PDB file of N, CA and C in Angstrom:
ATOM      1  N   MET A   1       0.910  -0.856  -0.045  1.00  0.00           N
ATOM      2  CA  MET A   1       0.296   0.273   0.050  1.00  0.00           C
ATOM      3  C   MET A   1       1.115   1.177  -0.397  1.00  0.00           C
ATOM      4  N   LEU A   2       0.614   2.331  -0.642  1.00  0.00           N
ATOM      5  CA  LEU A   2       1.274   3.455  -0.663  1.00  0.00           C
ATOM      6  C   LEU A   2       2.100   4.278   0.503  1.00  0.00           C
ATOM      7  N   TRP A   3       0.912   4.112   1.219  1.00  0.00           N
ATOM      8  CA  TRP A   3       0.983   4.986   2.910  1.00  0.00           C
ATOM      9  C   TRP A   3       2.249   3.794   3.472  1.00  0.00           C
ATOM     10  N   ASP A   4       2.105   2.370   3.091  1.00  0.00           N
ATOM     11  CA  ASP A   4       3.168   1.373   3.843  1.00  0.00           C
ATOM     12  C   ASP A   4       4.373   2.016   3.444  1.00  0.00           C
ATOM     13  N   PHE A   5       4.414   2.391   2.319  1.00  0.00           N
ATOM     14  CA  PHE A   5       5.667   2.323   1.223  1.00  0.00           C
ATOM     15  C   PHE A   5       6.186   4.356   2.095  1.00  0.00           C
ATOM     16  N   VAL A   6       5.711   5.490   2.171  1.00  0.00           N
ATOM     17  CA  VAL A   6       5.762   6.190   2.766  1.00  0.00           C
ATOM     18  C   VAL A   6       6.005   6.396   3.692  1.00  0.00           C
ATOM     19  N   LEU A   7       5.103   5.665   4.813  1.00  0.00           N
ATOM     20  CA  LEU A   7       6.012   5.554   6.394  1.00  0.00           C
ATOM     21  C   LEU A   7       6.912   4.997   6.702  1.00  0.00           C
ATOM     22  N   SER A   8       7.799   3.938   5.464  1.00  0.00           N
ATOM     23  CA  SER A   8       8.603   3.438   5.778  1.00  0.00           C
ATOM     24  C   SER A   8       9.883   3.907   5.783  1.00  0.00           C
ATOM     25  N   ASP A   9      11.400   3.433   5.930  1.00  0.00           N
ATOM     26  CA  ASP A   9      12.478   4.065   6.223  1.00  0.00           C
ATOM     27  C   ASP A   9      12.895   3.943   4.988  1.00  0.00           C
ATOM     28  N   VAL A  10      12.414   3.993   3.755  1.00  0.00           N
ATOM     29  CA  VAL A  10      12.860   3.651   2.544  1.00  0.00           C
ATOM     30  C   VAL A  10      12.629   5.317   2.105  1.00  0.00           C
ATOM     31  N   VAL A  11      11.885   6.090   2.673  1.00  0.00           N
ATOM     32  CA  VAL A  11      10.670   7.338   1.898  1.00  0.00           C
ATOM     33  C   VAL A  11      11.415   8.707   3.079  1.00  0.00           C
ATOM     34  N   ARG A  12      12.290   9.578   2.418  1.00  0.00           N
ATOM     35  CA  ARG A  12      12.466  10.516   3.875  1.00  0.00           C
ATOM     36  C   ARG A  12      11.535  11.614   3.258  1.00  0.00           C
ATOM     37  N   VAL A  13      10.741  12.568   4.077  1.00  0.00           N
ATOM     38  CA  VAL A  13       9.905  13.727   3.985  1.00  0.00           C
ATOM     39  C   VAL A  13      10.999  14.718   4.388  1.00  0.00           C
ATOM     40  N   GLU A  14      11.366  15.779   3.359  1.00  0.00           N
ATOM     41  CA  GLU A  14      11.997  16.521   3.722  1.00  0.00           C
ATOM     42  C   GLU A  14      11.323  17.764   3.997  1.00  0.00           C
ATOM     43  N   ASP A  15      11.929  19.122   4.531  1.00  0.00           N
ATOM     44  CA  ASP A  15      11.759  20.442   4.995  1.00  0.00           C
ATOM     45  C   ASP A  15      12.004  21.341   4.130  1.00  0.00           C
ATOM     46  N   ILE A  16      11.226  22.225   3.639  1.00  0.00           N
ATOM     47  CA  ILE A  16      12.012  23.239   2.189  1.00  0.00           C
ATOM     48  C   ILE A  16      12.128  24.582   3.411  1.00  0.00           C
ATOM     49  N   ALA A  17      13.407  25.031   3.208  1.00  0.00           N
ATOM     50  CA  ALA A  17      13.856  25.994   4.484  1.00  0.00           C
ATOM     51  C   ALA A  17      13.402  27.009   3.803  1.00  0.00           C
ATOM     52  N   ARG A  18      13.286  28.396   4.397  1.00  0.00           N
ATOM     53  CA  ARG A  18      13.092  29.579   4.071  1.00  0.00           C
ATOM     54  C   ARG A  18      14.741  30.089   3.185  1.00  0.00           C
ATOM     55  N   GLY A  19      15.367  29.535   3.310  1.00  0.00           N
ATOM     56  CA  GLY A  19      17.071  30.258   2.502  1.00  0.00           C
ATOM     57  C   GLY A  19      16.331  29.281   0.856  1.00  0.00           C
ATOM     58  N   ASP A  20      15.313  28.337   0.729  1.00  0.00           N
ATOM     59  CA  ASP A  20      15.694  27.368  -0.578  1.00  0.00           C
ATOM     60  C   ASP A  20      14.754  28.261  -1.306  1.00  0.00           C
ATOM     61  N   LEU A  21      13.822  29.476  -0.846  1.00  0.00           N
ATOM     62  CA  LEU A  21      12.929  30.163  -1.578  1.00  0.00           C
ATOM     63  C   LEU A  21      13.302  30.919  -2.866  1.00  0.00           C
ATOM     64  N   GLU A  22      13.925  31.384  -2.220  1.00  0.00           N
ATOM     65  CA  GLU A  22      14.927  32.111  -3.337  1.00  0.00           C
ATOM     66  C   GLU A  22      15.510  31.222  -4.452  1.00  0.00           C
ATOM     67  N   ARG A  23      16.108  30.181  -4.132  1.00  0.00           N
ATOM     68  CA  ARG A  23      16.846  29.443  -5.135  1.00  0.00           C
ATOM     69  C   ARG A  23      15.446  28.810  -6.246  1.00  0.00           C
ATOM     70  N   ILE A  24      13.899  28.730  -5.312  1.00  0.00           N
ATOM     71  CA  ILE A  24      13.225  28.092  -5.846  1.00  0.00           C
ATOM     72  C   ILE A  24      12.511  28.972  -7.311  1.00  0.00           C
ATOM     73  N   GLN A  25      12.366  30.092  -6.535  1.00  0.00           N
ATOM     74  CA  GLN A  25      11.641  31.442  -7.469  1.00  0.00           C
ATOM     75  C   GLN A  25      12.721  31.338  -8.718  1.00  0.00           C
ATOM     76  N   LEU A  26      14.135  31.487  -8.567  1.00  0.00           N
ATOM     77  CA  LEU A  26      15.175  31.447  -9.763  1.00  0.00           C
ATOM     78  C   LEU A  26      14.707  30.074 -10.927  1.00  0.00           C
ATOM     79  N   LEU A  27      14.863  29.454  -9.890  1.00  0.00           N
ATOM     80  CA  LEU A  27      14.336  28.646 -10.898  1.00  0.00           C
ATOM     81  C   LEU A  27      13.010  28.298 -11.595  1.00  0.00           C
ATOM     82  N   MET A  28      11.902  28.608 -11.345  1.00  0.00           N
ATOM     83  CA  MET A  28      10.809  28.776 -11.497  1.00  0.00           C
ATOM     84  C   MET A  28      10.803  29.712 -13.022  1.00  0.00           C
ATOM     85  N   GLU A  29      11.559  30.801 -12.606  1.00  0.00           N
ATOM     86  CA  GLU A  29      11.528  31.959 -13.605  1.00  0.00           C
ATOM     87  C   GLU A  29      12.679  31.781 -14.715  1.00  0.00           C
ATOM     88  N   GLN A  30      13.497  30.982 -14.358  1.00  0.00           N
ATOM     89  CA  GLN A  30      14.545  30.161 -15.413  1.00  0.00           C
ATOM     90  C   GLN A  30      14.043  29.533 -16.454  1.00  0.00           C
ATOM     91  N   TYR A  31      13.209  28.836 -16.738  1.00  0.00           N
ATOM     92  CA  TYR A  31      12.418  27.550 -16.571  1.00  0.00           C
ATOM     93  C   TYR A  31      10.730  27.765 -17.134  1.00  0.00           C
ATOM     94  N   THR A  32      10.293  28.727 -16.840  1.00  0.00           N
ATOM     95  CA  THR A  32       8.790  29.531 -17.751  1.00  0.00           C
ATOM     96  C   THR A  32       8.851  28.315 -18.816  1.00  0.00           C
ATOM     97  N   ASP A  33       9.044  28.185 -19.984  1.00  0.00           N
ATOM     98  CA  ASP A  33       9.126  28.054 -21.485  1.00  0.00           C
ATOM     99  C   ASP A  33       8.628  26.468 -20.970  1.00  0.00           C
ATOM    100  N   LEU A  34       8.954  26.159 -20.192  1.00  0.00           N
ATOM    101  CA  LEU A  34       8.500  24.201 -19.878  1.00  0.00           C
ATOM    102  C   LEU A  34       7.052  24.356 -19.683  1.00  0.00           C
ATOM    103  N   PRO A  35       6.304  25.010 -18.558  1.00  0.00           N
ATOM    104  CA  PRO A  35       6.611  25.767 -17.232  1.00  0.00           C
ATOM    105  C   PRO A  35       7.100  24.945 -16.288  1.00  0.00           C
ATOM    106  N   MET A  36       7.881  25.434 -15.438  1.00  0.00           N
ATOM    107  CA  MET A  36       8.135  24.239 -13.792  1.00  0.00           C
ATOM    108  C   MET A  36       7.600  25.035 -12.768  1.00  0.00           C
ATOM    109  N   ASP A  37       6.586  23.838 -12.504  1.00  0.00           N
ATOM    110  CA  ASP A  37       6.093  24.136 -11.286  1.00  0.00           C
ATOM    111  C   ASP A  37       7.207  24.413  -9.740  1.00  0.00           C
ATOM    112  N   PHE A  38       6.230  24.718  -8.860  1.00  0.00           N
ATOM    113  CA  PHE A  38       6.651  24.795  -7.678  1.00  0.00           C
ATOM    114  C   PHE A  38       7.546  23.430  -7.407  1.00  0.00           C
ATOM    115  N   ALA A  39       6.908  22.182  -7.327  1.00  0.00           N
ATOM    116  CA  ALA A  39       7.234  20.946  -6.804  1.00  0.00           C
ATOM    117  C   ALA A  39       8.238  20.560  -7.930  1.00  0.00           C
ATOM    118  N   ASP A  40       8.354  20.648  -8.691  1.00  0.00           N
ATOM    119  CA  ASP A  40       9.359  20.222  -9.769  1.00  0.00           C
ATOM    120  C   ASP A  40      10.848  21.162  -9.139  1.00  0.00           C
ATOM    121  N   ALA A  41      10.343  22.611  -9.122  1.00  0.00           N
ATOM    122  CA  ALA A  41      11.528  23.662  -8.405  1.00  0.00           C
ATOM    123  C   ALA A  41      12.312  23.084  -7.021  1.00  0.00           C
ATOM    124  N   SER A  42      11.338  22.487  -5.950  1.00  0.00           N
ATOM    125  CA  SER A  42      11.669  21.895  -4.986  1.00  0.00           C
ATOM    126  C   SER A  42      12.421  20.450  -5.020  1.00  0.00           C
ATOM    127  N   LEU A  43      12.187  19.539  -5.654  1.00  0.00           N
ATOM    128  CA  LEU A  43      12.381  18.765  -6.190  1.00  0.00           C
ATOM    129  C   LEU A  43      14.274  18.735  -6.439  1.00  0.00           C
ATOM    130  N   VAL A  44      14.334  20.164  -7.382  1.00  0.00           N
ATOM    131  CA  VAL A  44      15.516  20.304  -7.800  1.00  0.00           C
ATOM    132  C   VAL A  44      16.489  20.674  -6.629  1.00  0.00           C
ATOM    133  N   VAL A  45      16.244  21.856  -6.257  1.00  0.00           N
ATOM    134  CA  VAL A  45      16.540  22.102  -4.842  1.00  0.00           C
ATOM    135  C   VAL A  45      17.317  21.202  -3.973  1.00  0.00           C
ATOM    136  N   LEU A  46      16.180  20.386  -3.359  1.00  0.00           N
ATOM    137  CA  LEU A  46      16.573  19.214  -2.430  1.00  0.00           C
ATOM    138  C   LEU A  46      17.155  18.425  -3.395  1.00  0.00           C
ATOM    139  N   ALA A  47      16.986  17.732  -4.243  1.00  0.00           N
ATOM    140  CA  ALA A  47      18.444  17.260  -5.338  1.00  0.00           C
ATOM    141  C   ALA A  47      20.137  17.469  -5.078  1.00  0.00           C
ATOM    142  N   GLU A  48      19.853  19.374  -4.969  1.00  0.00           N
ATOM    143  CA  GLU A  48      21.076  19.783  -5.372  1.00  0.00           C
ATOM    144  C   GLU A  48      21.519  19.580  -3.911  1.00  0.00           C
ATOM    145  N   ARG A  49      20.813  20.330  -2.631  1.00  0.00           N
ATOM    146  CA  ARG A  49      21.092  19.970  -1.289  1.00  0.00           C
ATOM    147  C   ARG A  49      22.020  18.524  -1.117  1.00  0.00           C
ATOM    148  N   HIS A  50      21.236  17.566  -1.630  1.00  0.00           N
ATOM    149  CA  HIS A  50      21.484  15.974  -1.026  1.00  0.00           C
ATOM    150  C   HIS A  50      22.761  15.631  -2.463  1.00  0.00           C
ATOM    151  N   ARG A  51      22.978  16.618  -2.941  1.00  0.00           N
ATOM    152  CA  ARG A  51      23.819  15.883  -4.178  1.00  0.00           C
ATOM    153  C   ARG A  51      23.685  14.625  -4.748  1.00  0.00           C
ATOM    154  N   ILE A  52      21.955  14.339  -4.821  1.00  0.00           N
ATOM    155  CA  ILE A  52      21.351  13.315  -5.580  1.00  0.00           C
ATOM    156  C   ILE A  52      21.119  13.896  -6.626  1.00  0.00           C
ATOM    157  N   PHE A  53      21.714  13.395  -7.944  1.00  0.00           N
ATOM    158  CA  PHE A  53      21.359  13.408  -9.293  1.00  0.00           C
ATOM    159  C   PHE A  53      21.086  12.167 -10.070  1.00  0.00           C
ATOM    160  N   LYS A  54      20.345  11.647 -10.085  1.00  0.00           N
ATOM    161  CA  LYS A  54      19.202  10.420 -10.228  1.00  0.00           C
ATOM    162  C   LYS A  54      18.368  10.047  -9.775  1.00  0.00           C
ATOM    163  N   VAL A  55      17.444  10.484 -10.683  1.00  0.00           N
ATOM    164  CA  VAL A  55      16.009  10.568 -10.134  1.00  0.00           C
ATOM    165  C   VAL A  55      15.101   9.682 -10.953  1.00  0.00           C
ATOM    166  N   PHE A  56      13.727   9.304 -10.339  1.00  0.00           N
ATOM    167  CA  PHE A  56      13.141   8.876 -10.951  1.00  0.00           C
ATOM    168  C   PHE A  56      11.617   9.382 -11.055  1.00  0.00           C
ATOM    169  N   THR A  57      11.593   9.579 -12.510  1.00  0.00           N
ATOM    170  CA  THR A  57      10.204  10.165 -12.731  1.00  0.00           C
ATOM    171  C   THR A  57       9.658   9.957 -13.845  1.00  0.00           C
ATOM    172  N   THR A  58       8.636  10.365 -14.641  1.00  0.00           N
ATOM    173  CA  THR A  58       7.896   9.969 -15.480  1.00  0.00           C
ATOM    174  C   THR A  58       7.773  11.496 -16.239  1.00  0.00           C
ATOM    175  N   ASP A  59       8.340  12.789 -15.862  1.00  0.00           N
ATOM    176  CA  ASP A  59       8.362  14.027 -16.553  1.00  0.00           C
ATOM    177  C   ASP A  59      10.120  13.948 -17.337  1.00  0.00           C
ATOM    178  N   ARG A  60       9.925  12.817 -18.250  1.00  0.00           N
ATOM    179  CA  ARG A  60      11.653  13.034 -18.632  1.00  0.00           C
ATOM    180  C   ARG A  60      11.829  14.722 -19.443  1.00  0.00           C
ATOM    181  N   ARG A  61      10.393  15.021 -19.792  1.00  0.00           N
ATOM    182  CA  ARG A  61      10.586  16.237 -20.422  1.00  0.00           C
ATOM    183  C   ARG A  61      10.844  17.642 -19.722  1.00  0.00           C
ATOM    184  N   GLY A  62      10.613  17.360 -18.432  1.00  0.00           N
ATOM    185  CA  GLY A  62      11.254  18.612 -17.650  1.00  0.00           C
ATOM    186  C   GLY A  62      12.628  18.249 -17.381  1.00  0.00           C
ATOM    187  N   PHE A  63      12.904  16.972 -16.910  1.00  0.00           N
ATOM    188  CA  PHE A  63      14.143  16.860 -16.062  1.00  0.00           C
ATOM    189  C   PHE A  63      15.198  16.686 -16.412  1.00  0.00           C
ATOM    190  N   SER A  64      14.884  16.488 -18.167  1.00  0.00           N
ATOM    191  CA  SER A  64      16.139  16.497 -19.186  1.00  0.00           C
ATOM    192  C   SER A  64      16.519  17.568 -19.345  1.00  0.00           C
ATOM    193  N   VAL A  65      16.083  18.973 -19.044  1.00  0.00           N
ATOM    194  CA  VAL A  65      16.097  20.029 -19.525  1.00  0.00           C
ATOM    195  C   VAL A  65      16.629  20.733 -18.288  1.00  0.00           C
ATOM    196  N   PHE A  66      16.091  20.107 -17.174  1.00  0.00           N
ATOM    197  CA  PHE A  66      16.650  21.305 -15.490  1.00  0.00           C
ATOM    198  C   PHE A  66      18.099  20.724 -15.683  1.00  0.00           C
ATOM    199  N   ARG A  67      18.452  21.847 -15.136  1.00  0.00           N
ATOM    200  CA  ARG A  67      20.092  21.801 -14.544  1.00  0.00           C
ATOM    201  C   ARG A  67      20.541  22.152 -13.159  1.00  0.00           C
ATOM    202  N   PRO A  68      20.727  21.228 -12.384  1.00  0.00           N
ATOM    203  CA  PRO A  68      20.935  21.692 -11.010  1.00  0.00           C
ATOM    204  C   PRO A  68      22.642  21.997 -11.164  1.00  0.00           C
ATOM    205  N   ARG A  69      22.491  22.308  -9.942  1.00  0.00           N
ATOM    206  CA  ARG A  69      24.245  22.598  -9.773  1.00  0.00           C
ATOM    207  C   ARG A  69      25.038  21.774  -9.426  1.00  0.00           C
ATOM    208  N   ASN A  70      26.147  21.575  -9.795  1.00  0.00           N
ATOM    209  CA  ASN A  70      26.926  20.827  -9.278  1.00  0.00           C
ATOM    210  C   ASN A  70      26.822  19.738 -10.223  1.00  0.00           C
ATOM    211  N   VAL A  71      26.350  19.406 -11.347  1.00  0.00           N
ATOM    212  CA  VAL A  71      26.216  18.413 -12.574  1.00  0.00           C
ATOM    213  C   VAL A  71      25.631  18.437 -13.537  1.00  0.00           C
ATOM    214  N   GLU A  72      26.059  17.998 -14.073  1.00  0.00           N
ATOM    215  CA  GLU A  72      25.825  19.036 -15.853  1.00  0.00           C
ATOM    216  C   GLU A  72      23.895  18.667 -16.374  1.00  0.00           C
ATOM    217  N   ALA A  73      24.126  16.915 -15.665  1.00  0.00           N
ATOM    218  CA  ALA A  73      22.418  16.778 -16.029  1.00  0.00           C
ATOM    219  C   ALA A  73      21.895  16.037 -15.061  1.00  0.00           C
ATOM    220  N   PHE A  74      20.676  15.625 -14.502  1.00  0.00           N
ATOM    221  CA  PHE A  74      20.691  14.311 -14.132  1.00  0.00           C
ATOM    222  C   PHE A  74      20.129  13.732 -14.625  1.00  0.00           C
ATOM    223  N   GLU A  75      20.415  12.302 -14.058  1.00  0.00           N
ATOM    224  CA  GLU A  75      20.602  10.793 -14.791  1.00  0.00           C
ATOM    225  C   GLU A  75      18.824  10.108 -14.515  1.00  0.00           C
ATOM    226  N   ILE A  76      18.241  10.119 -15.526  1.00  0.00           N
ATOM    227  CA  ILE A  76      16.820   9.976 -15.188  1.00  0.00           C
ATOM    228  C   ILE A  76      16.778   8.437 -15.504  1.00  0.00           C
ATOM    229  N   PHE A  77      15.924   7.704 -14.411  1.00  0.00           N
ATOM    230  CA  PHE A  77      15.315   6.147 -15.062  1.00  0.00           C
ATOM    231  C   PHE A  77      14.076   6.610 -14.186  1.00  0.00           C
ATOM    232  N   PRO A  78      13.241   5.623 -14.672  1.00  0.00           N
ATOM    233  CA  PRO A  78      13.228   4.123 -15.785  1.00  0.00           C
ATOM    234  C   PRO A  78      13.532   4.953 -16.915  1.00  0.00           C
TER     235      PRO A  78
END
């Protein structure tokens, strides 16, 4: 069941810090042509914070274009 998965140790729920909001806004402005929404920008910021650049997403269109700091591009799967 989904909630069992979410409540397991496999998933970590992160807070968006006040300091992240400026970066989120910048990303949303940078990618207005896609457009990048708040959820996408938040995921990019959290990936940057934790240096996670391999992502599982069905949004290949967006995440193949988004450029996080410290890496040339996300590695997308499946």
